[in-house]
C-alpha atoms as a PDB file:
ATOM      1  CA  UNK A   1      -0.149  -0.054  -0.009  1.00  0.00           C
ATOM      2  CA  UNK A   2       1.204   3.362  -0.833  1.00  0.00           C
ATOM      3  CA  UNK A   3      -0.227   6.326   0.747  1.00  0.00           C
ATOM      4  CA  UNK A   4      -0.291   9.703  -0.984  1.00  0.00           C
ATOM      5  CA  UNK A   5      -1.275  12.879   1.343  1.00  0.00           C
ATOM      6  CA  UNK A   6      -3.672  15.156  -0.374  1.00  0.00           C
ATOM      7  CA  UNK A   7      -6.303  17.765   0.335  1.00  0.00           C
ATOM      8  CA  UNK A   8      -8.310  16.388  -2.436  1.00  0.00           C
ATOM      9  CA  UNK A   9      -9.375  13.552  -0.267  1.00  0.00           C
ATOM     10  CA  UNK A  10     -11.905  14.054   2.874  1.00  0.00           C
ATOM     11  CA  UNK A  11      -9.616  11.800   4.902  1.00  0.00           C
ATOM     12  CA  UNK A  12      -6.437  13.732   4.022  1.00  0.00           C
ATOM     13  CA  UNK A  13      -4.844  10.878   1.849  1.00  0.00           C
ATOM     14  CA  UNK A  14      -5.655   8.147  -0.783  1.00  0.00           C
ATOM     15  CA  UNK A  15      -4.291   4.735  -1.467  1.00  0.00           C
ATOM     16  CA  UNK A  16      -2.409   4.624  -4.796  1.00  0.00           C
ATOM     17  CA  UNK A  17      -3.357   0.622  -5.007  1.00  0.00           C
ATOM     18  CA  UNK A  18      -7.093   1.319  -4.754  1.00  0.00           C
ATOM     19  CA  UNK A  19      -7.150   3.352  -7.991  1.00  0.00           C
ATOM     20  CA  UNK A  20      -6.595   2.532 -11.528  1.00  0.00           C
ATOM     21  CA  UNK A  21      -3.297   2.707 -13.185  1.00  0.00           C
ATOM     22  CA  UNK A  22      -2.062   3.672 -16.641  1.00  0.00           C
ATOM     23  CA  UNK A  23       1.350   2.433 -17.593  1.00  0.00           C
ATOM     24  CA  UNK A  24       3.871   3.651 -20.425  1.00  0.00           C
ATOM     25  CA  UNK A  25       6.766   1.734 -21.570  1.00  0.00           C
ATOM     26  CA  UNK A  26      10.021   2.377 -22.810  1.00  0.00           C
ATOM     27  CA  UNK A  27      11.088   1.023 -26.198  1.00  0.00           C
ATOM     28  CA  UNK A  28      12.793  -1.853 -24.860  1.00  0.00           C
ATOM     29  CA  UNK A  29       9.816  -3.074 -22.824  1.00  0.00           C
ATOM     30  CA  UNK A  30      10.853  -1.615 -19.376  1.00  0.00           C
ATOM     31  CA  UNK A  31       8.292   0.240 -17.434  1.00  0.00           C
ATOM     32  CA  UNK A  32       8.729   4.204 -17.910  1.00  0.00           C
ATOM     33  CA  UNK A  33       5.854   5.652 -15.939  1.00  0.00           C
ATOM     34  CA  UNK A  34       2.992   4.646 -13.763  1.00  0.00           C
ATOM     35  CA  UNK A  35      -0.065   7.227 -13.512  1.00  0.00           C
ATOM     36  CA  UNK A  36      -2.935   7.736 -11.408  1.00  0.00           C
ATOM     37  CA  UNK A  37      -5.737  10.313 -10.892  1.00  0.00           C
ATOM     38  CA  UNK A  38      -8.103  11.273  -8.085  1.00  0.00           C
ATOM     39  CA  UNK A  39     -10.228  14.542  -7.713  1.00  0.00           C
ATOM     40  CA  UNK A  40      -8.962  15.878 -10.920  1.00  0.00           C
ATOM     41  CA  UNK A  41      -5.166  15.534 -10.032  1.00  0.00           C
ATOM     42  CA  UNK A  42      -2.783  13.302 -11.639  1.00  0.00           C
ATOM     43  CA  UNK A  43       0.136  11.717  -9.853  1.00  0.00           C
ATOM     44  CA  UNK A  44       2.850  10.068 -11.812  1.00  0.00           C
ATOM     45  CA  UNK A  45       5.594   7.712 -10.972  1.00  0.00           C
ATOM     46  CA  UNK A  46       8.572   7.585 -13.018  1.00  0.00           C
ATOM     47  CA  UNK A  47      11.056   4.488 -13.263  1.00  0.00           C
ATOM     48  CA  UNK A  48      14.533   4.750 -14.183  1.00  0.00           C
ATOM     49  CA  UNK A  49      17.101   1.831 -15.120  1.00  0.00           C
ATOM     50  CA  UNK A  50      20.924   1.172 -15.354  1.00  0.00           C
ATOM     51  CA  UNK A  51      22.451  -1.389 -17.836  1.00  0.00           C
ATOM     52  CA  UNK A  52      24.480  -3.958 -16.106  1.00  0.00           C
ATOM     53  CA  UNK A  53      25.902  -6.436 -18.519  1.00  0.00           C
ATOM     54  CA  UNK A  54      23.312  -5.592 -21.233  1.00  0.00           C
ATOM     55  CA  UNK A  55      20.302  -6.035 -18.661  1.00  0.00           C
ATOM     56  CA  UNK A  56      18.254  -3.199 -17.550  1.00  0.00           C
ATOM     57  CA  UNK A  57      18.272  -3.199 -13.590  1.00  0.00           C
ATOM     58  CA  UNK A  58      15.932  -0.502 -11.809  1.00  0.00           C
ATOM     59  CA  UNK A  59      17.724   1.958 -10.177  1.00  0.00           C
ATOM     60  CA  UNK A  60      16.637   4.304  -7.486  1.00  0.00           C
ATOM     61  CA  UNK A  61      13.094   4.481  -5.856  1.00  0.00           C
ATOM     62  CA  UNK A  62      10.255   5.786  -7.802  1.00  0.00           C
ATOM     63  CA  UNK A  63       8.069   8.267  -5.758  1.00  0.00           C
ATOM     64  CA  UNK A  64       4.788   9.569  -6.662  1.00  0.00           C
ATOM     65  CA  UNK A  65       5.091  13.132  -8.177  1.00  0.00           C
ATOM     66  CA  UNK A  66       1.632  15.304  -8.510  1.00  0.00           C
ATOM     67  CA  UNK A  67       1.599  16.919 -12.009  1.00  0.00           C
END
């Protein structure tokens, strides 16, 4: 469960896993972004990768950013 704090929700937060997500992929098939929307706002999580011996490995920890 990932909690996003926002004044758009009566409780002051939303659970990102309870909302529909849309996904975008890089040319090599790796996940580029995950997006969710709630109350007219959109949050995007961007994924980064490092090439290790020809294999794309996730790098860093993606976080939700309000657009």
